[in-house]
PDB file of all heavy atoms in Angstrom:
ATOM      1  N   HIS A   1     186.959  88.609  47.168  1.00  0.00           N
ATOM      2  CA  HIS A   1     185.925  87.631  46.843  1.00  0.00           C
ATOM      3  C   HIS A   1     185.114  87.310  48.098  1.00  0.00           C
ATOM      4  O   HIS A   1     185.527  87.612  49.222  1.00  0.00           O
ATOM      5  CB  HIS A   1     186.535  86.350  46.275  1.00  0.00           C
ATOM      6  CG  HIS A   1     187.447  85.640  47.233  1.00  0.00           C
ATOM      7  ND1 HIS A   1     186.982  84.804  48.242  1.00  0.00           N
ATOM      8  CD2 HIS A   1     188.801  85.660  47.378  1.00  0.00           C
ATOM      9  CE1 HIS A   1     187.994  84.337  48.933  1.00  0.00           C
ATOM     10  NE2 HIS A   1     189.118  84.840  48.440  1.00  0.00           N
ATOM     11  N   THR A   2     183.953  86.675  47.900  1.00  0.00           N
ATOM     12  CA  THR A   2     183.037  86.412  49.013  1.00  0.00           C
ATOM     13  C   THR A   2     183.065  84.961  49.478  1.00  0.00           C
ATOM     14  O   THR A   2     182.239  84.567  50.300  1.00  0.00           O
ATOM     15  CB  THR A   2     181.590  86.755  48.596  1.00  0.00           C
ATOM     16  OG1 THR A   2     181.215  85.938  47.467  1.00  0.00           O
ATOM     17  CG2 THR A   2     181.459  88.227  48.224  1.00  0.00           C
ATOM     18  N   PHE A   3     184.008  84.161  48.995  1.00  0.00           N
ATOM     19  CA  PHE A   3     183.980  82.728  49.290  1.00  0.00           C
ATOM     20  C   PHE A   3     184.058  82.441  50.792  1.00  0.00           C
ATOM     21  O   PHE A   3     183.421  81.522  51.293  1.00  0.00           O
ATOM     22  CB  PHE A   3     185.140  82.030  48.572  1.00  0.00           C
ATOM     23  CG  PHE A   3     185.184  80.544  48.800  1.00  0.00           C
ATOM     24  CD1 PHE A   3     184.282  79.714  48.162  1.00  0.00           C
ATOM     25  CD2 PHE A   3     186.123  79.971  49.655  1.00  0.00           C
ATOM     26  CE1 PHE A   3     184.303  78.329  48.371  1.00  0.00           C
ATOM     27  CE2 PHE A   3     186.156  78.611  49.871  1.00  0.00           C
ATOM     28  CZ  PHE A   3     185.245  77.790  49.228  1.00  0.00           C
ATOM     29  N   GLY A   4     184.846  83.211  51.522  1.00  0.00           N
ATOM     30  CA  GLY A   4     185.065  82.914  52.941  1.00  0.00           C
ATOM     31  C   GLY A   4     184.002  83.447  53.879  1.00  0.00           C
ATOM     32  O   GLY A   4     184.117  83.265  55.097  1.00  0.00           O
ATOM     33  N   ILE A   5     182.966  84.098  53.336  1.00  0.00           N
ATOM     34  CA  ILE A   5     181.919  84.630  54.213  1.00  0.00           C
ATOM     35  C   ILE A   5     180.952  83.499  54.526  1.00  0.00           C
ATOM     36  O   ILE A   5     179.977  83.255  53.811  1.00  0.00           O
ATOM     37  CB  ILE A   5     181.179  85.816  53.550  1.00  0.00           C
ATOM     38  CG1 ILE A   5     182.169  86.911  53.168  1.00  0.00           C
ATOM     39  CG2 ILE A   5     180.124  86.378  54.496  1.00  0.00           C
ATOM     40  CD1 ILE A   5     181.534  88.086  52.450  1.00  0.00           C
ATOM     41  N   THR A   6     181.237  82.807  55.592  1.00  0.00           N
ATOM     42  CA  THR A   6     180.425  81.658  55.978  1.00  0.00           C
ATOM     43  C   THR A   6     180.313  81.605  57.492  1.00  0.00           C
ATOM     44  O   THR A   6     181.207  82.069  58.211  1.00  0.00           O
ATOM     45  CB  THR A   6     181.047  80.358  55.425  1.00  0.00           C
ATOM     46  OG1 THR A   6     180.234  79.251  55.763  1.00  0.00           O
ATOM     47  CG2 THR A   6     182.443  80.133  55.988  1.00  0.00           C
ATOM     48  N   GLN A   7     179.202  81.067  57.979  1.00  0.00           N
ATOM     49  CA  GLN A   7     178.859  81.124  59.396  1.00  0.00           C
ATOM     50  C   GLN A   7     179.919  80.490  60.287  1.00  0.00           C
ATOM     51  O   GLN A   7     180.224  81.002  61.368  1.00  0.00           O
ATOM     52  CB  GLN A   7     177.520  80.425  59.625  1.00  0.00           C
ATOM     53  CG  GLN A   7     176.854  80.758  60.944  1.00  0.00           C
ATOM     54  CD  GLN A   7     175.993  82.002  60.856  1.00  0.00           C
ATOM     55  OE1 GLN A   7     175.099  82.070  60.032  1.00  0.00           O
ATOM     56  NE2 GLN A   7     176.253  82.976  61.693  1.00  0.00           N
ATOM     57  N   ARG A   8     180.511  79.404  59.852  1.00  0.00           N
ATOM     58  CA  ARG A   8     181.405  78.658  60.738  1.00  0.00           C
ATOM     59  C   ARG A   8     182.667  79.435  61.084  1.00  0.00           C
ATOM     60  O   ARG A   8     183.274  79.204  62.133  1.00  0.00           O
ATOM     61  CB  ARG A   8     181.768  77.311  60.110  1.00  0.00           C
ATOM     62  CG  ARG A   8     182.567  77.380  58.821  1.00  0.00           C
ATOM     63  CD  ARG A   8     182.812  75.992  58.249  1.00  0.00           C
ATOM     64  NE  ARG A   8     183.616  76.001  57.037  1.00  0.00           N
ATOM     65  CZ  ARG A   8     183.122  76.112  55.815  1.00  0.00           C
ATOM     66  NH1 ARG A   8     181.812  76.247  55.650  1.00  0.00           N
ATOM     67  NH2 ARG A   8     183.920  76.088  54.755  1.00  0.00           N
ATOM     68  N   TYR A   9     183.077  80.361  60.213  1.00  0.00           N
ATOM     69  CA  TYR A   9     184.314  81.092  60.475  1.00  0.00           C
ATOM     70  C   TYR A   9     184.151  82.198  61.511  1.00  0.00           C
ATOM     71  O   TYR A   9     185.147  82.768  61.965  1.00  0.00           O
ATOM     72  CB  TYR A   9     184.867  81.669  59.172  1.00  0.00           C
ATOM     73  CG  TYR A   9     185.384  80.615  58.217  1.00  0.00           C
ATOM     74  CD1 TYR A   9     185.315  80.797  56.839  1.00  0.00           C
ATOM     75  CD2 TYR A   9     185.939  79.440  58.692  1.00  0.00           C
ATOM     76  CE1 TYR A   9     185.789  79.827  55.960  1.00  0.00           C
ATOM     77  CE2 TYR A   9     186.412  78.463  57.823  1.00  0.00           C
ATOM     78  CZ  TYR A   9     186.326  78.670  56.461  1.00  0.00           C
ATOM     79  OH  TYR A   9     186.795  77.701  55.594  1.00  0.00           O
ATOM     80  N   SER A  10     182.925  82.514  61.865  1.00  0.00           N
ATOM     81  CA  SER A  10     182.701  83.467  62.958  1.00  0.00           C
ATOM     82  C   SER A  10     181.812  82.848  64.032  1.00  0.00           C
ATOM     83  O   SER A  10     181.146  83.554  64.783  1.00  0.00           O
ATOM     84  CB  SER A  10     182.073  84.763  62.428  1.00  0.00           C
ATOM     85  OG  SER A  10     180.818  84.515  61.826  1.00  0.00           O
ATOM     86  N   GLY A  11     181.807  81.524  64.082  1.00  0.00           N
ATOM     87  CA  GLY A  11     180.943  80.815  65.021  1.00  0.00           C
ATOM     88  C   GLY A  11     181.331  80.991  66.475  1.00  0.00           C
ATOM     89  O   GLY A  11     180.572  80.599  67.372  1.00  0.00           O
ATOM     90  N   PHE A  12     182.494  81.605  66.730  1.00  0.00           N
ATOM     91  CA  PHE A  12     182.904  81.877  68.111  1.00  0.00           C
ATOM     92  C   PHE A  12     181.888  82.766  68.830  1.00  0.00           C
ATOM     93  O   PHE A  12     181.863  82.819  70.062  1.00  0.00           O
ATOM     94  CB  PHE A  12     184.262  82.579  68.143  1.00  0.00           C
ATOM     95  CG  PHE A  12     185.233  82.090  67.102  1.00  0.00           C
ATOM     96  CD1 PHE A  12     185.587  82.877  66.021  1.00  0.00           C
ATOM     97  CD2 PHE A  12     185.781  80.823  67.204  1.00  0.00           C
ATOM     98  CE1 PHE A  12     186.465  82.417  65.056  1.00  0.00           C
ATOM     99  CE2 PHE A  12     186.670  80.355  66.254  1.00  0.00           C
ATOM    100  CZ  PHE A  12     187.012  81.153  65.168  1.00  0.00           C
ATOM    101  N   SER A  13     181.056  83.480  68.072  1.00  0.00           N
ATOM    102  CA  SER A  13     180.117  84.446  68.658  1.00  0.00           C
ATOM    103  C   SER A  13     178.901  83.788  69.300  1.00  0.00           C
ATOM    104  O   SER A  13     178.242  84.404  70.144  1.00  0.00           O
ATOM    105  CB  SER A  13     179.635  85.423  67.570  1.00  0.00           C
ATOM    106  OG  SER A  13     180.705  86.173  67.041  1.00  0.00           O
ATOM    107  N   PHE A  14     178.574  82.572  68.926  1.00  0.00           N
ATOM    108  CA  PHE A  14     177.304  81.974  69.343  1.00  0.00           C
ATOM    109  C   PHE A  14     177.104  81.891  70.860  1.00  0.00           C
ATOM    110  O   PHE A  14     176.001  82.170  71.341  1.00  0.00           O
ATOM    111  CB  PHE A  14     177.137  80.599  68.697  1.00  0.00           C
ATOM    112  CG  PHE A  14     176.559  80.656  67.315  1.00  0.00           C
ATOM    113  CD1 PHE A  14     177.390  80.729  66.208  1.00  0.00           C
ATOM    114  CD2 PHE A  14     175.186  80.662  67.112  1.00  0.00           C
ATOM    115  CE1 PHE A  14     176.872  80.798  64.926  1.00  0.00           C
ATOM    116  CE2 PHE A  14     174.649  80.730  65.835  1.00  0.00           C
ATOM    117  CZ  PHE A  14     175.488  80.807  64.739  1.00  0.00           C
ATOM    118  N   PRO A  15     178.097  81.514  71.662  1.00  0.00           N
ATOM    119  CA  PRO A  15     177.831  81.447  73.104  1.00  0.00           C
ATOM    120  C   PRO A  15     177.386  82.784  73.693  1.00  0.00           C
ATOM    121  O   PRO A  15     176.502  82.828  74.565  1.00  0.00           O
ATOM    122  CB  PRO A  15     179.177  81.004  73.687  1.00  0.00           C
ATOM    123  CG  PRO A  15     179.852  80.277  72.567  1.00  0.00           C
ATOM    124  CD  PRO A  15     179.443  81.011  71.337  1.00  0.00           C
ATOM    125  N   TYR A  16     177.967  83.862  73.216  1.00  0.00           N
ATOM    126  CA  TYR A  16     177.650  85.184  73.762  1.00  0.00           C
ATOM    127  C   TYR A  16     176.286  85.667  73.279  1.00  0.00           C
ATOM    128  O   TYR A  16     175.567  86.352  74.009  1.00  0.00           O
ATOM    129  CB  TYR A  16     178.766  86.160  73.383  1.00  0.00           C
ATOM    130  CG  TYR A  16     180.123  85.548  73.621  1.00  0.00           C
ATOM    131  CD1 TYR A  16     180.887  85.060  72.552  1.00  0.00           C
ATOM    132  CD2 TYR A  16     180.619  85.375  74.908  1.00  0.00           C
ATOM    133  CE1 TYR A  16     182.112  84.439  72.769  1.00  0.00           C
ATOM    134  CE2 TYR A  16     181.847  84.756  75.133  1.00  0.00           C
ATOM    135  CZ  TYR A  16     182.582  84.287  74.054  1.00  0.00           C
ATOM    136  OH  TYR A  16     183.789  83.663  74.276  1.00  0.00           O
ATOM    137  N   VAL A  17     175.928  85.257  72.063  1.00  0.00           N
ATOM    138  CA  VAL A  17     174.591  85.569  71.558  1.00  0.00           C
ATOM    139  C   VAL A  17     173.539  84.832  72.382  1.00  0.00           C
ATOM    140  O   VAL A  17     172.462  85.372  72.659  1.00  0.00           O
ATOM    141  CB  VAL A  17     174.479  85.206  70.065  1.00  0.00           C
ATOM    142  CG1 VAL A  17     173.038  85.359  69.571  1.00  0.00           C
ATOM    143  CG2 VAL A  17     175.410  86.079  69.236  1.00  0.00           C
ATOM    144  N   CYS A  18     173.845  83.607  72.792  1.00  0.00           N
ATOM    145  CA  CYS A  18     172.912  82.856  73.653  1.00  0.00           C
ATOM    146  C   CYS A  18     172.606  83.641  74.925  1.00  0.00           C
ATOM    147  O   CYS A  18     171.464  83.639  75.412  1.00  0.00           O
ATOM    148  CB  CYS A  18     173.502  81.486  74.009  1.00  0.00           C
ATOM    149  SG  CYS A  18     173.597  80.313  72.643  1.00  0.00           S
ATOM    150  N   ILE A  19     173.614  84.315  75.472  1.00  0.00           N
ATOM    151  CA  ILE A  19     173.408  85.109  76.683  1.00  0.00           C
ATOM    152  C   ILE A  19     172.491  86.295  76.392  1.00  0.00           C
ATOM    153  O   ILE A  19     171.553  86.576  77.153  1.00  0.00           O
ATOM    154  CB  ILE A  19     174.758  85.588  77.242  1.00  0.00           C
ATOM    155  CG1 ILE A  19     175.653  84.389  77.571  1.00  0.00           C
ATOM    156  CG2 ILE A  19     174.554  86.458  78.483  1.00  0.00           C
ATOM    157  CD1 ILE A  19     177.084  84.775  77.949  1.00  0.00           C
ATOM    158  N   LEU A  20     172.737  86.998  75.299  1.00  0.00           N
ATOM    159  CA  LEU A  20     171.905  88.155  74.954  1.00  0.00           C
ATOM    160  C   LEU A  20     170.456  87.742  74.720  1.00  0.00           C
ATOM    161  O   LEU A  20     169.524  88.413  75.188  1.00  0.00           O
ATOM    162  CB  LEU A  20     172.464  88.840  73.714  1.00  0.00           C
ATOM    163  CG  LEU A  20     173.822  89.545  73.867  1.00  0.00           C
ATOM    164  CD1 LEU A  20     174.330  90.031  72.517  1.00  0.00           C
ATOM    165  CD2 LEU A  20     173.711  90.712  74.840  1.00  0.00           C
ATOM    166  N   VAL A  21     170.255  86.636  74.005  1.00  0.00           N
ATOM    167  CA  VAL A  21     168.893  86.162  73.749  1.00  0.00           C
ATOM    168  C   VAL A  21     168.216  85.789  75.064  1.00  0.00           C
ATOM    169  O   VAL A  21     167.021  86.073  75.264  1.00  0.00           O
ATOM    170  CB  VAL A  21     168.912  84.968  72.775  1.00  0.00           C
ATOM    171  CG1 VAL A  21     167.517  84.359  72.643  1.00  0.00           C
ATOM    172  CG2 VAL A  21     169.424  85.406  71.403  1.00  0.00           C
ATOM    173  N   SER A  22     168.951  85.182  75.967  1.00  0.00           N
ATOM    174  CA  SER A  22     168.384  84.817  77.265  1.00  0.00           C
ATOM    175  C   SER A  22     167.935  86.052  78.041  1.00  0.00           C
ATOM    176  O   SER A  22     166.919  86.015  78.748  1.00  0.00           O
ATOM    177  CB  SER A  22     169.420  84.035  78.083  1.00  0.00           C
ATOM    178  OG  SER A  22     169.770  82.848  77.428  1.00  0.00           O
ATOM    179  N   MET A  23     168.671  87.130  77.916  1.00  0.00           N
ATOM    180  CA  MET A  23     168.266  88.374  78.577  1.00  0.00           C
ATOM    181  C   MET A  23     166.905  88.835  78.069  1.00  0.00           C
ATOM    182  O   MET A  23     166.033  89.251  78.852  1.00  0.00           O
ATOM    183  CB  MET A  23     169.316  89.459  78.331  1.00  0.00           C
ATOM    184  CG  MET A  23     170.635  89.224  79.031  1.00  0.00           C
ATOM    185  SD  MET A  23     171.843  90.516  78.620  1.00  0.00           S
ATOM    186  CE  MET A  23     173.225  90.037  79.664  1.00  0.00           C
ATOM    187  N   GLY A  24     166.709  88.773  76.759  1.00  0.00           N
ATOM    188  CA  GLY A  24     165.409  89.161  76.202  1.00  0.00           C
ATOM    189  C   GLY A  24     164.285  88.268  76.673  1.00  0.00           C
ATOM    190  O   GLY A  24     163.183  88.743  76.993  1.00  0.00           O
ATOM    191  N   LEU A  25     164.558  86.964  76.747  1.00  0.00           N
ATOM    192  CA  LEU A  25     163.522  86.030  77.200  1.00  0.00           C
ATOM    193  C   LEU A  25     163.172  86.247  78.667  1.00  0.00           C
ATOM    194  O   LEU A  25     162.006  86.120  79.066  1.00  0.00           O
ATOM    195  CB  LEU A  25     163.985  84.592  76.971  1.00  0.00           C
ATOM    196  CG  LEU A  25     164.088  84.150  75.508  1.00  0.00           C
ATOM    197  CD1 LEU A  25     164.685  82.748  75.421  1.00  0.00           C
ATOM    198  CD2 LEU A  25     162.729  84.190  74.825  1.00  0.00           C
ATOM    199  N   LEU A  26     164.159  86.579  79.491  1.00  0.00           N
ATOM    200  CA  LEU A  26     163.878  86.856  80.900  1.00  0.00           C
ATOM    201  C   LEU A  26     163.122  88.166  81.084  1.00  0.00           C
ATOM    202  O   LEU A  26     162.362  88.325  82.045  1.00  0.00           O
ATOM    203  CB  LEU A  26     165.191  86.898  81.693  1.00  0.00           C
ATOM    204  CG  LEU A  26     165.866  85.553  81.948  1.00  0.00           C
ATOM    205  CD1 LEU A  26     167.205  85.752  82.644  1.00  0.00           C
ATOM    206  CD2 LEU A  26     164.967  84.634  82.777  1.00  0.00           C
ATOM    207  N   GLN A  27     163.325  89.093  80.176  1.00  0.00           N
ATOM    208  CA  GLN A  27     162.625  90.375  80.269  1.00  0.00           C
ATOM    209  C   GLN A  27     161.183  90.262  79.786  1.00  0.00           C
ATOM    210  O   GLN A  27     160.315  91.025  80.222  1.00  0.00           O
ATOM    211  CB  GLN A  27     163.363  91.434  79.442  1.00  0.00           C
ATOM    212  CG  GLN A  27     162.863  92.857  79.611  1.00  0.00           C
ATOM    213  CD  GLN A  27     163.107  93.428  80.992  1.00  0.00           C
ATOM    214  OE1 GLN A  27     163.959  92.920  81.721  1.00  0.00           O
ATOM    215  NE2 GLN A  27     162.378  94.466  81.359  1.00  0.00           N
ATOM    216  N   LEU A  28     160.911  89.303  78.904  1.00  0.00           N
ATOM    217  CA  LEU A  28     159.585  89.186  78.287  1.00  0.00           C
ATOM    218  C   LEU A  28     158.458  89.065  79.306  1.00  0.00           C
ATOM    219  O   LEU A  28     157.459  89.800  79.215  1.00  0.00           O
ATOM    220  CB  LEU A  28     159.579  87.996  77.318  1.00  0.00           C
ATOM    221  CG  LEU A  28     158.271  87.725  76.577  1.00  0.00           C
ATOM    222  CD1 LEU A  28     157.868  88.927  75.722  1.00  0.00           C
ATOM    223  CD2 LEU A  28     158.398  86.474  75.708  1.00  0.00           C
ATOM    224  N   PRO A  29     158.508  88.168  80.304  1.00  0.00           N
ATOM    225  CA  PRO A  29     157.390  88.052  81.250  1.00  0.00           C
ATOM    226  C   PRO A  29     157.221  89.265  82.159  1.00  0.00           C
ATOM    227  O   PRO A  29     156.215  89.358  82.876  1.00  0.00           O
ATOM    228  CB  PRO A  29     157.743  86.798  82.062  1.00  0.00           C
ATOM    229  CG  PRO A  29     159.201  86.621  81.912  1.00  0.00           C
ATOM    230  CD  PRO A  29     159.538  87.142  80.551  1.00  0.00           C
ATOM    231  N   LYS A  30     158.161  90.190  82.133  1.00  0.00           N
ATOM    232  CA  LYS A  30     158.029  91.402  82.939  1.00  0.00           C
ATOM    233  C   LYS A  30     157.142  92.440  82.266  1.00  0.00           C
ATOM    234  O   LYS A  30     156.792  93.453  82.874  1.00  0.00           O
ATOM    235  CB  LYS A  30     159.418  91.986  83.229  1.00  0.00           C
ATOM    236  CG  LYS A  30     160.309  91.044  84.043  1.00  0.00           C
ATOM    237  CD  LYS A  30     161.707  91.584  84.213  1.00  0.00           C
ATOM    238  CE  LYS A  30     162.591  90.573  84.951  1.00  0.00           C
ATOM    239  NZ  LYS A  30     163.993  91.043  85.089  1.00  0.00           N
ATOM    240  N   LEU A  31     156.823  92.201  81.001  1.00  0.00           N
ATOM    241  CA  LEU A  31     155.885  93.079  80.298  1.00  0.00           C
ATOM    242  C   LEU A  31     154.452  92.799  80.742  1.00  0.00           C
ATOM    243  O   LEU A  31     154.146  91.729  81.283  1.00  0.00           O
ATOM    244  CB  LEU A  31     156.003  92.869  78.787  1.00  0.00           C
ATOM    245  CG  LEU A  31     157.287  93.295  78.078  1.00  0.00           C
ATOM    246  CD1 LEU A  31     157.191  92.916  76.604  1.00  0.00           C
ATOM    247  CD2 LEU A  31     157.541  94.785  78.237  1.00  0.00           C
ATOM    248  N   ARG A  32     153.582  93.746  80.466  1.00  0.00           N
ATOM    249  CA  ARG A  32     152.152  93.525  80.647  1.00  0.00           C
ATOM    250  C   ARG A  32     151.713  92.379  79.735  1.00  0.00           C
ATOM    251  O   ARG A  32     152.244  92.232  78.621  1.00  0.00           O
ATOM    252  CB  ARG A  32     151.352  94.783  80.310  1.00  0.00           C
ATOM    253  CG  ARG A  32     151.792  96.033  81.059  1.00  0.00           C
ATOM    254  CD  ARG A  32     151.429  95.959  82.518  1.00  0.00           C
ATOM    255  NE  ARG A  32     151.844  97.177  83.222  1.00  0.00           N
ATOM    256  CZ  ARG A  32     151.668  97.384  84.521  1.00  0.00           C
ATOM    257  NH1 ARG A  32     151.123  96.433  85.275  1.00  0.00           N
ATOM    258  NH2 ARG A  32     152.058  98.513  85.086  1.00  0.00           N
ATOM    259  N   PRO A  33     150.785  91.540  80.171  1.00  0.00           N
ATOM    260  CA  PRO A  33     150.415  90.368  79.366  1.00  0.00           C
ATOM    261  C   PRO A  33     149.909  90.714  77.970  1.00  0.00           C
ATOM    262  O   PRO A  33     150.084  89.910  77.041  1.00  0.00           O
ATOM    263  CB  PRO A  33     149.334  89.673  80.213  1.00  0.00           C
ATOM    264  CG  PRO A  33     148.894  90.681  81.208  1.00  0.00           C
ATOM    265  CD  PRO A  33     150.066  91.578  81.459  1.00  0.00           C
ATOM    266  N   TRP A  34     149.273  91.876  77.812  1.00  0.00           N
ATOM    267  CA  TRP A  34     148.794  92.241  76.472  1.00  0.00           C
ATOM    268  C   TRP A  34     149.948  92.602  75.536  1.00  0.00           C
ATOM    269  O   TRP A  34     149.759  92.718  74.341  1.00  0.00           O
ATOM    270  CB  TRP A  34     147.786  93.390  76.551  1.00  0.00           C
ATOM    271  CG  TRP A  34     148.169  94.554  77.427  1.00  0.00           C
ATOM    272  CD1 TRP A  34     148.886  95.641  77.085  1.00  0.00           C
ATOM    273  CD2 TRP A  34     147.825  94.720  78.805  1.00  0.00           C
ATOM    274  NE1 TRP A  34     149.035  96.488  78.146  1.00  0.00           N
ATOM    275  CE2 TRP A  34     148.386  95.954  79.222  1.00  0.00           C
ATOM    276  CE3 TRP A  34     147.097  93.970  79.733  1.00  0.00           C
ATOM    277  CZ2 TRP A  34     148.250  96.437  80.524  1.00  0.00           C
ATOM    278  CZ3 TRP A  34     146.954  94.459  81.015  1.00  0.00           C
ATOM    279  CH2 TRP A  34     147.530  95.671  81.411  1.00  0.00           C
ATOM    280  N   PHE A  35     151.141  92.756  76.089  1.00  0.00           N
ATOM    281  CA  PHE A  35     152.334  92.936  75.261  1.00  0.00           C
ATOM    282  C   PHE A  35     153.136  91.637  75.146  1.00  0.00           C
ATOM    283  O   PHE A  35     153.608  91.265  74.064  1.00  0.00           O
ATOM    284  CB  PHE A  35     153.238  94.024  75.850  1.00  0.00           C
ATOM    285  CG  PHE A  35     152.652  95.396  75.837  1.00  0.00           C
ATOM    286  CD1 PHE A  35     152.933  96.291  76.858  1.00  0.00           C
ATOM    287  CD2 PHE A  35     151.815  95.810  74.816  1.00  0.00           C
ATOM    288  CE1 PHE A  35     152.397  97.568  76.864  1.00  0.00           C
ATOM    289  CE2 PHE A  35     151.264  97.083  74.808  1.00  0.00           C
ATOM    290  CZ  PHE A  35     151.560  97.962  75.836  1.00  0.00           C
ATOM    291  N   SER A  36     153.285  90.941  76.264  1.00  0.00           N
ATOM    292  CA  SER A  36     154.161  89.759  76.278  1.00  0.00           C
ATOM    293  C   SER A  36     153.563  88.570  75.537  1.00  0.00           C
ATOM    294  O   SER A  36     154.283  87.843  74.839  1.00  0.00           O
ATOM    295  CB  SER A  36     154.479  89.363  77.719  1.00  0.00           C
ATOM    296  OG  SER A  36     153.310  88.996  78.423  1.00  0.00           O
ATOM    297  N   LEU A  37     152.240  88.366  75.668  1.00  0.00           N
ATOM    298  CA  LEU A  37     151.636  87.175  75.074  1.00  0.00           C
ATOM    299  C   LEU A  37     151.706  87.166  73.547  1.00  0.00           C
ATOM    300  O   LEU A  37     152.026  86.121  72.946  1.00  0.00           O
ATOM    301  CB  LEU A  37     150.190  87.017  75.559  1.00  0.00           C
ATOM    302  CG  LEU A  37     150.046  86.662  77.049  1.00  0.00           C
ATOM    303  CD1 LEU A  37     148.571  86.581  77.443  1.00  0.00           C
ATOM    304  CD2 LEU A  37     150.749  85.343  77.357  1.00  0.00           C
ATOM    305  N   PRO A  38     151.421  88.275  72.846  1.00  0.00           N
ATOM    306  CA  PRO A  38     151.573  88.244  71.383  1.00  0.00           C
ATOM    307  C   PRO A  38     153.014  87.953  70.938  1.00  0.00           C
ATOM    308  O   PRO A  38     153.230  87.200  69.983  1.00  0.00           O
ATOM    309  CB  PRO A  38     151.139  89.652  70.954  1.00  0.00           C
ATOM    310  CG  PRO A  38     150.289  90.149  72.060  1.00  0.00           C
ATOM    311  CD  PRO A  38     150.842  89.553  73.308  1.00  0.00           C
ATOM    312  N   ILE A  39     153.979  88.561  71.635  1.00  0.00           N
ATOM    313  CA  ILE A  39     155.379  88.305  71.281  1.00  0.00           C
ATOM    314  C   ILE A  39     155.727  86.841  71.547  1.00  0.00           C
ATOM    315  O   ILE A  39     156.380  86.182  70.726  1.00  0.00           O
ATOM    316  CB  ILE A  39     156.307  89.240  72.078  1.00  0.00           C
ATOM    317  CG1 ILE A  39     156.063  90.694  71.668  1.00  0.00           C
ATOM    318  CG2 ILE A  39     157.771  88.860  71.845  1.00  0.00           C
ATOM    319  CD1 ILE A  39     156.840  91.698  72.488  1.00  0.00           C
ATOM    320  N   ALA A  40     155.275  86.312  72.688  1.00  0.00           N
ATOM    321  CA  ALA A  40     155.535  84.918  73.014  1.00  0.00           C
ATOM    322  C   ALA A  40     154.928  83.984  71.976  1.00  0.00           C
ATOM    323  O   ALA A  40     155.531  82.960  71.610  1.00  0.00           O
ATOM    324  CB  ALA A  40     155.000  84.591  74.399  1.00  0.00           C
ATOM    325  N   ALA A  41     153.744  84.321  71.484  1.00  0.00           N
ATOM    326  CA  ALA A  41     153.088  83.483  70.472  1.00  0.00           C
ATOM    327  C   ALA A  41     153.909  83.440  69.177  1.00  0.00           C
ATOM    328  O   ALA A  41     154.075  82.374  68.561  1.00  0.00           O
ATOM    329  CB  ALA A  41     151.680  84.002  70.198  1.00  0.00           C
ATOM    330  N   VAL A  42     154.439  84.602  68.777  1.00  0.00           N
ATOM    331  CA  VAL A  42     155.257  84.637  67.559  1.00  0.00           C
ATOM    332  C   VAL A  42     156.577  83.888  67.780  1.00  0.00           C
ATOM    333  O   VAL A  42     157.058  83.188  66.892  1.00  0.00           O
ATOM    334  CB  VAL A  42     155.520  86.088  67.125  1.00  0.00           C
ATOM    335  CG1 VAL A  42     156.427  86.124  65.898  1.00  0.00           C
ATOM    336  CG2 VAL A  42     154.197  86.790  66.800  1.00  0.00           C
ATOM    337  N   LEU A  43     157.149  84.027  68.969  1.00  0.00           N
ATOM    338  CA  LEU A  43     158.370  83.269  69.276  1.00  0.00           C
ATOM    339  C   LEU A  43     158.106  81.765  69.262  1.00  0.00           C
ATOM    340  O   LEU A  43     158.993  80.976  68.907  1.00  0.00           O
ATOM    341  CB  LEU A  43     158.928  83.695  70.631  1.00  0.00           C
ATOM    342  CG  LEU A  43     159.505  85.116  70.711  1.00  0.00           C
ATOM    343  CD1 LEU A  43     159.954  85.436  72.133  1.00  0.00           C
ATOM    344  CD2 LEU A  43     160.674  85.287  69.745  1.00  0.00           C
ATOM    345  N   ALA A  44     156.895  81.363  69.621  1.00  0.00           N
ATOM    346  CA  ALA A  44     156.528  79.947  69.543  1.00  0.00           C
ATOM    347  C   ALA A  44     156.521  79.471  68.088  1.00  0.00           C
ATOM    348  O   ALA A  44     156.904  78.330  67.797  1.00  0.00           O
ATOM    349  CB  ALA A  44     155.172  79.718  70.191  1.00  0.00           C
ATOM    350  N   VAL A  45     156.088  80.356  67.176  1.00  0.00           N
ATOM    351  CA  VAL A  45     156.141  80.026  65.748  1.00  0.00           C
ATOM    352  C   VAL A  45     157.593  79.812  65.319  1.00  0.00           C
ATOM    353  O   VAL A  45     157.917  78.867  64.595  1.00  0.00           O
ATOM    354  CB  VAL A  45     155.482  81.138  64.909  1.00  0.00           C
ATOM    355  CG1 VAL A  45     155.678  80.875  63.415  1.00  0.00           C
ATOM    356  CG2 VAL A  45     153.998  81.245  65.234  1.00  0.00           C
TER     357      VAL A  45
END
């Protein structure tokens, strides 16, 4: 059954995901502005 498929039971992953997301954000300004600015605008949304 699918009853136990819920976010809280695998929530141990969130701290490590925060690190991976931070890596992407730090890499973003290293792009050319015509690439980074559109992505940044969508991330602002």
